[in-house]
């Protein structure tokens, strides 16, 4: 599917609140996808002044993914 997207949410594990969303192309290389997710996680930790270990990401509507 051309231009199909996977949607991810970033969650503060201390509060359980979703703090951001990110959409990436479905056909993106898995390594590149993980790099983009980890980059966003680091940006959120810096911006929100949170310990990076408190933030995790998961595919929207799915269970927890390692992050």
Protein backbone atom coordinates (compact mmCIF):
# COMPACT_ATOMS: atom_id res chain seq x y z
CA UNK A 1 0.00 0.00 0.00
CA UNK A 2 1.66 3.18 -1.15
CA UNK A 3 1.85 5.92 1.51
CA UNK A 4 0.07 3.79 4.14
CA UNK A 5 0.97 4.81 7.67
CA UNK A 6 1.51 3.13 11.01
CA UNK A 7 0.60 5.30 13.97
CA UNK A 8 2.53 5.30 17.24
CA UNK A 9 1.91 6.91 20.59
CA UNK A 10 4.46 7.90 23.20
CA UNK A 11 3.45 7.39 26.81
CA UNK A 12 4.78 8.68 30.12
CA UNK A 13 4.93 5.45 32.13
CA UNK A 14 4.79 7.39 35.40
CA UNK A 15 1.41 8.96 34.63
CA UNK A 16 0.08 6.69 31.88
CA UNK A 17 -0.62 9.78 29.75
CA UNK A 18 -0.04 9.85 26.00
CA UNK A 19 2.37 12.72 25.42
CA UNK A 20 2.82 12.56 21.63
CA UNK A 21 1.98 10.75 18.41
CA UNK A 22 4.08 9.88 15.38
CA UNK A 23 3.08 8.35 12.04
CA UNK A 24 5.58 6.48 9.87
CA UNK A 25 5.28 4.76 6.50
CA UNK A 26 4.27 1.11 6.74
CA UNK A 27 6.93 0.02 4.25
CA UNK A 28 9.75 1.81 6.11
CA UNK A 29 12.77 -0.35 6.91
CA UNK A 30 12.46 -1.70 10.47
CA UNK A 31 15.86 -0.33 11.51
CA UNK A 32 14.95 3.13 10.19
CA UNK A 33 11.56 2.95 11.92
CA UNK A 34 13.18 2.14 15.27
CA UNK A 35 15.68 4.97 14.78
CA UNK A 36 12.86 7.44 14.13
CA UNK A 37 10.89 6.24 17.17
CA UNK A 38 13.93 6.45 19.45
CA UNK A 39 14.79 9.90 18.10
CA UNK A 40 11.28 11.14 18.88
CA UNK A 41 11.48 9.57 22.35
CA UNK A 42 14.74 11.43 23.06
CA UNK A 43 13.26 14.72 21.78
CA UNK A 44 10.25 14.31 24.06
CA UNK A 45 12.44 13.53 27.08
CA UNK A 46 14.46 16.69 26.44
CA UNK A 47 11.48 18.92 25.70
CA UNK A 48 9.35 17.66 28.62
CA UNK A 49 12.36 17.38 30.97
CA UNK A 50 11.62 13.72 31.66
CA UNK A 51 13.96 10.82 32.31
CA UNK A 52 14.11 8.99 28.98
CA UNK A 53 13.36 5.69 30.73
CA UNK A 54 9.91 7.00 31.69
CA UNK A 55 8.83 7.23 28.05
CA UNK A 56 7.82 4.28 25.93
CA UNK A 57 6.19 3.98 22.55
CA UNK A 58 3.65 1.58 21.18
CA UNK A 59 1.72 1.15 17.99
CA UNK A 60 -1.58 2.97 18.43
CA UNK A 61 -4.28 0.55 19.44
CA UNK A 62 -1.82 -2.22 20.36
CA UNK A 63 0.06 -3.39 23.42
CA UNK A 64 3.39 -2.13 24.68
CA UNK A 65 6.37 -2.43 22.36
CA UNK A 66 9.96 -2.29 23.60
CA UNK A 67 11.14 1.23 23.40
